[in-house]
Amino acid sequence: MKIQILGTGCPKCKKLAENAEAAAKQAGIQYEMEKVTDITKIMAFGVMMTPALAVDGVVKVVGKVPSSEEIEKFLK
């Protein structure tokens, strides 16, 4: 499973990355984490607000930082 954090590296982006990593560990899944910071690549996902979370290339959350429990639901 590929988890992508779309954002420029702001504090919210970092928190989203922490929560996503915690969720993946809680779910006990194999994952690869990628931080997408290039604004052109972020826009290619159709995302206009950051941070955003994509799982296997599908955007799940835009413009907010969900809890690790919420993220875990997207990973199952």
PDB file of N, CA and C in Angstrom:
ATOM      1  N   MET A   1       0.846  -1.173   0.000  1.00  0.00           N
ATOM      2  CA  MET A   1       0.000   0.000   0.000  1.00  0.00           C
ATOM      3  C   MET A   1       0.890   1.234   0.000  1.00  0.00           C
ATOM      4  N   LYS A   2       0.488   2.216  -0.789  1.00  0.00           N
ATOM      5  CA  LYS A   2       1.267   3.452  -0.888  1.00  0.00           C
ATOM      6  C   LYS A   2       0.466   4.590  -0.266  1.00  0.00           C
ATOM      7  N   ILE A   3       1.040   5.207   0.756  1.00  0.00           N
ATOM      8  CA  ILE A   3       0.415   6.345   1.425  1.00  0.00           C
ATOM      9  C   ILE A   3       1.183   7.588   0.994  1.00  0.00           C
ATOM     10  N   GLN A   4       0.467   8.566   0.448  1.00  0.00           N
ATOM     11  CA  GLN A   4       1.110   9.785  -0.026  1.00  0.00           C
ATOM     12  C   GLN A   4       0.582  10.985   0.757  1.00  0.00           C
ATOM     13  N   ILE A   5       1.516  11.786   1.255  1.00  0.00           N
ATOM     14  CA  ILE A   5       1.196  13.031   1.945  1.00  0.00           C
ATOM     15  C   ILE A   5       1.455  14.143   0.936  1.00  0.00           C
ATOM     16  N   LEU A   6       0.405  14.861   0.563  1.00  0.00           N
ATOM     17  CA  LEU A   6       0.529  15.928  -0.422  1.00  0.00           C
ATOM     18  C   LEU A   6       0.568  17.255   0.325  1.00  0.00           C
ATOM     19  N   GLY A   7       1.704  17.937   0.240  1.00  0.00           N
ATOM     20  CA  GLY A   7       1.851  19.215   0.927  1.00  0.00           C
ATOM     21  C   GLY A   7       3.268  19.726   0.824  1.00  0.00           C
ATOM     22  N   THR A   8       3.428  21.000   1.154  1.00  0.00           N
ATOM     23  CA  THR A   8       4.721  21.665   0.976  1.00  0.00           C
ATOM     24  C   THR A   8       5.674  21.490   2.158  1.00  0.00           C
ATOM     25  N   GLY A   9       5.227  20.816   3.204  1.00  0.00           N
ATOM     26  CA  GLY A   9       6.103  20.592   4.356  1.00  0.00           C
ATOM     27  C   GLY A   9       5.748  21.461   5.545  1.00  0.00           C
ATOM     28  N   CYS A  10       4.544  22.026   5.552  1.00  0.00           N
ATOM     29  CA  CYS A  10       4.083  22.867   6.658  1.00  0.00           C
ATOM     30  C   CYS A  10       3.841  22.014   7.915  1.00  0.00           C
ATOM     31  N   PRO A  11       3.659  22.645   9.072  1.00  0.00           N
ATOM     32  CA  PRO A  11       3.392  21.869  10.298  1.00  0.00           C
ATOM     33  C   PRO A  11       2.195  20.929  10.166  1.00  0.00           C
ATOM     34  N   LYS A  12       1.122  21.341   9.483  1.00  0.00           N
ATOM     35  CA  LYS A  12      -0.046  20.471   9.303  1.00  0.00           C
ATOM     36  C   LYS A  12       0.321  19.253   8.458  1.00  0.00           C
ATOM     37  N   CYS A  13       1.169  19.459   7.450  1.00  0.00           N
ATOM     38  CA  CYS A  13       1.601  18.346   6.597  1.00  0.00           C
ATOM     39  C   CYS A  13       2.389  17.328   7.422  1.00  0.00           C
ATOM     40  N   LYS A  14       3.252  17.828   8.293  1.00  0.00           N
ATOM     41  CA  LYS A  14       4.063  16.944   9.132  1.00  0.00           C
ATOM     42  C   LYS A  14       3.184  16.162  10.101  1.00  0.00           C
ATOM     43  N   LYS A  15       2.164  16.827  10.648  1.00  0.00           N
ATOM     44  CA  LYS A  15       1.247  16.158  11.579  1.00  0.00           C
ATOM     45  C   LYS A  15       0.455  15.078  10.850  1.00  0.00           C
ATOM     46  N   LEU A  16       0.028  15.377   9.615  1.00  0.00           N
ATOM     47  CA  LEU A  16      -0.699  14.385   8.819  1.00  0.00           C
ATOM     48  C   LEU A  16       0.184  13.160   8.568  1.00  0.00           C
ATOM     49  N   ALA A  17       1.461  13.393   8.271  1.00  0.00           N
ATOM     50  CA  ALA A  17       2.391  12.287   8.038  1.00  0.00           C
ATOM     51  C   ALA A  17       2.539  11.438   9.304  1.00  0.00           C
ATOM     52  N   GLU A  18       2.647  12.087  10.454  1.00  0.00           N
ATOM     53  CA  GLU A  18       2.760  11.356  11.731  1.00  0.00           C
ATOM     54  C   GLU A  18       1.507  10.513  11.974  1.00  0.00           C
ATOM     55  N   ASN A  19       0.333  11.120  11.767  1.00  0.00           N
ATOM     56  CA  ASN A  19      -0.924  10.405  11.998  1.00  0.00           C
ATOM     57  C   ASN A  19      -1.085   9.235  11.029  1.00  0.00           C
ATOM     58  N   ALA A  20      -0.700   9.431   9.780  1.00  0.00           N
ATOM     59  CA  ALA A  20      -0.814   8.362   8.781  1.00  0.00           C
ATOM     60  C   ALA A  20       0.110   7.201   9.123  1.00  0.00           C
ATOM     61  N   GLU A  21       1.313   7.525   9.576  1.00  0.00           N
ATOM     62  CA  GLU A  21       2.258   6.467   9.953  1.00  0.00           C
ATOM     63  C   GLU A  21       1.732   5.688  11.157  1.00  0.00           C
ATOM     64  N   ALA A  22       1.192   6.403  12.133  1.00  0.00           N
ATOM     65  CA  ALA A  22       0.629   5.739  13.318  1.00  0.00           C
ATOM     66  C   ALA A  22      -0.541   4.845  12.915  1.00  0.00           C
ATOM     67  N   ALA A  23      -1.390   5.325  12.005  1.00  0.00           N
ATOM     68  CA  ALA A  23      -2.552   4.547  11.561  1.00  0.00           C
ATOM     69  C   ALA A  23      -2.119   3.266  10.852  1.00  0.00           C
ATOM     70  N   ALA A  24      -1.109   3.371   9.993  1.00  0.00           N
ATOM     71  CA  ALA A  24      -0.631   2.198   9.257  1.00  0.00           C
ATOM     72  C   ALA A  24      -0.046   1.162  10.221  1.00  0.00           C
ATOM     73  N   LYS A  25       0.670   1.643  11.240  1.00  0.00           N
ATOM     74  CA  LYS A  25       1.243   0.721  12.224  1.00  0.00           C
ATOM     75  C   LYS A  25       0.148   0.070  13.062  1.00  0.00           C
ATOM     76  N   GLN A  26      -0.872   0.854  13.446  1.00  0.00           N
ATOM     77  CA  GLN A  26      -1.994   0.304  14.220  1.00  0.00           C
ATOM     78  C   GLN A  26      -2.737  -0.748  13.410  1.00  0.00           C
ATOM     79  N   ALA A  27      -2.885  -0.496  12.102  1.00  0.00           N
ATOM     80  CA  ALA A  27      -3.607  -1.433  11.235  1.00  0.00           C
ATOM     81  C   ALA A  27      -2.752  -2.659  10.921  1.00  0.00           C
ATOM     82  N   GLY A  28      -1.449  -2.546  11.151  1.00  0.00           N
ATOM     83  CA  GLY A  28      -0.548  -3.671  10.904  1.00  0.00           C
ATOM     84  C   GLY A  28      -0.371  -3.993   9.426  1.00  0.00           C
ATOM     85  N   ILE A  29      -0.363  -2.952   8.595  1.00  0.00           N
ATOM     86  CA  ILE A  29      -0.247  -3.175   7.149  1.00  0.00           C
ATOM     87  C   ILE A  29       1.155  -2.834   6.649  1.00  0.00           C
ATOM     88  N   GLN A  30       1.507  -3.440   5.527  1.00  0.00           N
ATOM     89  CA  GLN A  30       2.753  -3.102   4.830  1.00  0.00           C
ATOM     90  C   GLN A  30       2.478  -1.825   4.049  1.00  0.00           C
ATOM     91  N   TYR A  31       3.340  -0.833   4.181  1.00  0.00           N
ATOM     92  CA  TYR A  31       3.088   0.416   3.476  1.00  0.00           C
ATOM     93  C   TYR A  31       4.381   1.099   3.066  1.00  0.00           C
ATOM     94  N   GLU A  32       4.235   1.982   2.105  1.00  0.00           N
ATOM     95  CA  GLU A  32       5.334   2.838   1.663  1.00  0.00           C
ATOM     96  C   GLU A  32       4.814   4.261   1.809  1.00  0.00           C
ATOM     97  N   MET A  33       5.577   5.118   2.479  1.00  0.00           N
ATOM     98  CA  MET A  33       5.163   6.507   2.691  1.00  0.00           C
ATOM     99  C   MET A  33       5.925   7.399   1.715  1.00  0.00           C
ATOM    100  N   GLU A  34       5.183   8.260   1.033  1.00  0.00           N
ATOM    101  CA  GLU A  34       5.805   9.210   0.111  1.00  0.00           C
ATOM    102  C   GLU A  34       5.282  10.598   0.428  1.00  0.00           C
ATOM    103  N   LYS A  35       6.203  11.555   0.521  1.00  0.00           N
ATOM    104  CA  LYS A  35       5.809  12.946   0.729  1.00  0.00           C
ATOM    105  C   LYS A  35       5.945  13.668  -0.607  1.00  0.00           C
ATOM    106  N   VAL A  36       4.820  14.132  -1.128  1.00  0.00           N
ATOM    107  CA  VAL A  36       4.790  14.832  -2.412  1.00  0.00           C
ATOM    108  C   VAL A  36       4.775  16.326  -2.115  1.00  0.00           C
ATOM    109  N   THR A  37       5.894  17.010  -2.414  1.00  0.00           N
ATOM    110  CA  THR A  37       6.009  18.435  -2.096  1.00  0.00           C
ATOM    111  C   THR A  37       5.988  19.324  -3.334  1.00  0.00           C
ATOM    112  N   ASP A  38       6.122  18.739  -4.511  1.00  0.00           N
ATOM    113  CA  ASP A  38       6.115  19.501  -5.764  1.00  0.00           C
ATOM    114  C   ASP A  38       4.690  19.945  -6.070  1.00  0.00           C
ATOM    115  N   ILE A  39       4.467  21.258  -6.129  1.00  0.00           N
ATOM    116  CA  ILE A  39       3.115  21.796  -6.306  1.00  0.00           C
ATOM    117  C   ILE A  39       2.475  21.317  -7.613  1.00  0.00           C
ATOM    118  N   THR A  40       3.271  21.110  -8.649  1.00  0.00           N
ATOM    119  CA  THR A  40       2.739  20.616  -9.921  1.00  0.00           C
ATOM    120  C   THR A  40       2.192  19.202  -9.759  1.00  0.00           C
ATOM    121  N   LYS A  41       2.930  18.360  -9.024  1.00  0.00           N
ATOM    122  CA  LYS A  41       2.484  16.979  -8.791  1.00  0.00           C
ATOM    123  C   LYS A  41       1.250  16.952  -7.896  1.00  0.00           C
ATOM    124  N   ILE A  42       1.209  17.852  -6.912  1.00  0.00           N
ATOM    125  CA  ILE A  42       0.052  17.929  -6.022  1.00  0.00           C
ATOM    126  C   ILE A  42      -1.190  18.306  -6.839  1.00  0.00           C
ATOM    127  N   MET A  43      -1.043  19.286  -7.725  1.00  0.00           N
ATOM    128  CA  MET A  43      -2.165  19.721  -8.548  1.00  0.00           C
ATOM    129  C   MET A  43      -2.610  18.629  -9.524  1.00  0.00           C
ATOM    130  N   ALA A  44      -1.686  17.753  -9.923  1.00  0.00           N
ATOM    131  CA  ALA A  44      -2.023  16.644 -10.821  1.00  0.00           C
ATOM    132  C   ALA A  44      -3.026  15.687 -10.161  1.00  0.00           C
ATOM    133  N   PHE A  45      -3.041  15.677  -8.826  1.00  0.00           N
ATOM    134  CA  PHE A  45      -4.019  14.863  -8.093  1.00  0.00           C
ATOM    135  C   PHE A  45      -5.384  15.555  -8.052  1.00  0.00           C
ATOM    136  N   GLY A  46      -5.441  16.811  -8.513  1.00  0.00           N
ATOM    137  CA  GLY A  46      -6.679  17.582  -8.440  1.00  0.00           C
ATOM    138  C   GLY A  46      -6.845  18.258  -7.089  1.00  0.00           C
ATOM    139  N   VAL A  47      -5.748  18.354  -6.332  1.00  0.00           N
ATOM    140  CA  VAL A  47      -5.785  18.928  -4.987  1.00  0.00           C
ATOM    141  C   VAL A  47      -5.412  20.411  -5.056  1.00  0.00           C
ATOM    142  N   MET A  48      -6.269  21.245  -4.482  1.00  0.00           N
ATOM    143  CA  MET A  48      -6.014  22.687  -4.460  1.00  0.00           C
ATOM    144  C   MET A  48      -5.719  23.203  -3.051  1.00  0.00           C
ATOM    145  N   MET A  49      -5.968  22.368  -2.027  1.00  0.00           N
ATOM    146  CA  MET A  49      -5.675  22.741  -0.635  1.00  0.00           C
ATOM    147  C   MET A  49      -4.833  21.648  -0.005  1.00  0.00           C
ATOM    148  N   THR A  50      -3.851  22.065   0.766  1.00  0.00           N
ATOM    149  CA  THR A  50      -3.030  21.085   1.477  1.00  0.00           C
ATOM    150  C   THR A  50      -3.247  21.273   2.972  1.00  0.00           C
ATOM    151  N   PRO A  51      -2.940  20.276   3.773  1.00  0.00           N
ATOM    152  CA  PRO A  51      -2.408  18.987   3.356  1.00  0.00           C
ATOM    153  C   PRO A  51      -3.508  18.091   2.787  1.00  0.00           C
ATOM    154  N   ALA A  52      -3.063  17.068   2.077  1.00  0.00           N
ATOM    155  CA  ALA A  52      -3.982  16.068   1.545  1.00  0.00           C
ATOM    156  C   ALA A  52      -3.355  14.687   1.717  1.00  0.00           C
ATOM    157  N   LEU A  53      -4.213  13.688   1.775  1.00  0.00           N
ATOM    158  CA  LEU A  53      -3.778  12.305   1.955  1.00  0.00           C
ATOM    159  C   LEU A  53      -4.300  11.476   0.792  1.00  0.00           C
ATOM    160  N   ALA A  54      -3.393  10.738   0.161  1.00  0.00           N
ATOM    161  CA  ALA A  54      -3.796   9.816  -0.905  1.00  0.00           C
ATOM    162  C   ALA A  54      -3.350   8.412  -0.516  1.00  0.00           C
ATOM    163  N   VAL A  55      -4.198   7.439  -0.808  1.00  0.00           N
ATOM    164  CA  VAL A  55      -3.875   6.037  -0.554  1.00  0.00           C
ATOM    165  C   VAL A  55      -3.936   5.314  -1.891  1.00  0.00           C
ATOM    166  N   ASP A  56      -2.815   4.722  -2.285  1.00  0.00           N
ATOM    167  CA  ASP A  56      -2.704   4.042  -3.583  1.00  0.00           C
ATOM    168  C   ASP A  56      -3.154   4.952  -4.731  1.00  0.00           C
ATOM    169  N   GLY A  57      -2.777   6.233  -4.648  1.00  0.00           N
ATOM    170  CA  GLY A  57      -3.064   7.175  -5.724  1.00  0.00           C
ATOM    171  C   GLY A  57      -4.449   7.793  -5.702  1.00  0.00           C
ATOM    172  N   VAL A  58      -5.286   7.414  -4.721  1.00  0.00           N
ATOM    173  CA  VAL A  58      -6.645   7.953  -4.613  1.00  0.00           C
ATOM    174  C   VAL A  58      -6.690   8.930  -3.436  1.00  0.00           C
ATOM    175  N   VAL A  59      -7.079  10.170  -3.709  1.00  0.00           N
ATOM    176  CA  VAL A  59      -7.137  11.191  -2.663  1.00  0.00           C
ATOM    177  C   VAL A  59      -8.290  10.881  -1.714  1.00  0.00           C
ATOM    178  N   LYS A  60      -7.975  10.846  -0.421  1.00  0.00           N
ATOM    179  CA  LYS A  60      -8.971  10.509   0.596  1.00  0.00           C
ATOM    180  C   LYS A  60      -9.375  11.721   1.446  1.00  0.00           C
ATOM    181  N   VAL A  61      -8.428  12.625   1.714  1.00  0.00           N
ATOM    182  CA  VAL A  61      -8.676  13.782   2.582  1.00  0.00           C
ATOM    183  C   VAL A  61      -7.958  14.991   1.998  1.00  0.00           C
ATOM    184  N   VAL A  62      -8.645  16.146   2.008  1.00  0.00           N
ATOM    185  CA  VAL A  62      -8.046  17.388   1.510  1.00  0.00           C
ATOM    186  C   VAL A  62      -8.299  18.513   2.501  1.00  0.00           C
ATOM    187  N   GLY A  63      -7.238  19.269   2.808  1.00  0.00           N
ATOM    188  CA  GLY A  63      -7.384  20.489   3.587  1.00  0.00           C
ATOM    189  C   GLY A  63      -7.585  20.335   5.076  1.00  0.00           C
ATOM    190  N   LYS A  64      -7.378  19.142   5.610  1.00  0.00           N
ATOM    191  CA  LYS A  64      -7.485  18.954   7.060  1.00  0.00           C
ATOM    192  C   LYS A  64      -6.568  17.829   7.511  1.00  0.00           C
ATOM    193  N   VAL A  65      -6.403  17.729   8.833  1.00  0.00           N
ATOM    194  CA  VAL A  65      -5.547  16.689   9.408  1.00  0.00           C
ATOM    195  C   VAL A  65      -6.427  15.743  10.216  1.00  0.00           C
ATOM    196  N   PRO A  66      -6.823  14.611   9.615  1.00  0.00           N
ATOM    197  CA  PRO A  66      -7.636  13.646  10.363  1.00  0.00           C
ATOM    198  C   PRO A  66      -6.807  12.920  11.422  1.00  0.00           C
ATOM    199  N   SER A  67      -7.485  12.395  12.421  1.00  0.00           N
ATOM    200  CA  SER A  67      -6.791  11.627  13.469  1.00  0.00           C
ATOM    201  C   SER A  67      -6.296  10.305  12.878  1.00  0.00           C
ATOM    202  N   SER A  68      -5.400   9.658  13.609  1.00  0.00           N
ATOM    203  CA  SER A  68      -4.880   8.368  13.136  1.00  0.00           C
ATOM    204  C   SER A  68      -6.010   7.339  13.053  1.00  0.00           C
ATOM    205  N   GLU A  69      -7.018   7.456  13.932  1.00  0.00           N
ATOM    206  CA  GLU A  69      -8.155   6.529  13.901  1.00  0.00           C
ATOM    207  C   GLU A  69      -8.954   6.709  12.605  1.00  0.00           C
ATOM    208  N   GLU A  70      -9.163   7.981  12.204  1.00  0.00           N
ATOM    209  CA  GLU A  70      -9.889   8.242  10.957  1.00  0.00           C
ATOM    210  C   GLU A  70      -9.102   7.716   9.759  1.00  0.00           C
ATOM    211  N   ILE A  71      -7.798   7.932   9.764  1.00  0.00           N
ATOM    212  CA  ILE A  71      -6.952   7.488   8.653  1.00  0.00           C
ATOM    213  C   ILE A  71      -6.962   5.964   8.560  1.00  0.00           C
ATOM    214  N   GLU A  72      -6.966   5.307   9.714  1.00  0.00           N
ATOM    215  CA  GLU A  72      -6.951   3.839   9.724  1.00  0.00           C
ATOM    216  C   GLU A  72      -8.146   3.271   8.946  1.00  0.00           C
ATOM    217  N   LYS A  73      -9.298   3.961   9.001  1.00  0.00           N
ATOM    218  CA  LYS A  73     -10.478   3.513   8.255  1.00  0.00           C
ATOM    219  C   LYS A  73     -10.238   3.536   6.753  1.00  0.00           C
ATOM    220  N   PHE A  74      -9.477   4.533   6.279  1.00  0.00           N
ATOM    221  CA  PHE A  74      -9.165   4.626   4.847  1.00  0.00           C
ATOM    222  C   PHE A  74      -8.223   3.517   4.396  1.00  0.00           C
ATOM    223  N   LEU A  75      -7.449   2.988   5.328  1.00  0.00           N
ATOM    224  CA  LEU A  75      -6.432   1.998   4.987  1.00  0.00           C
ATOM    225  C   LEU A  75      -6.982   0.574   4.937  1.00  0.00           C
ATOM    226  N   LYS A  76      -8.193   0.380   5.425  1.00  0.00           N
ATOM    227  CA  LYS A  76      -8.761  -0.966   5.471  1.00  0.00           C
ATOM    228  C   LYS A  76      -9.618  -1.256   4.270  1.00  0.00           C
TER     229      LYS A  76
END
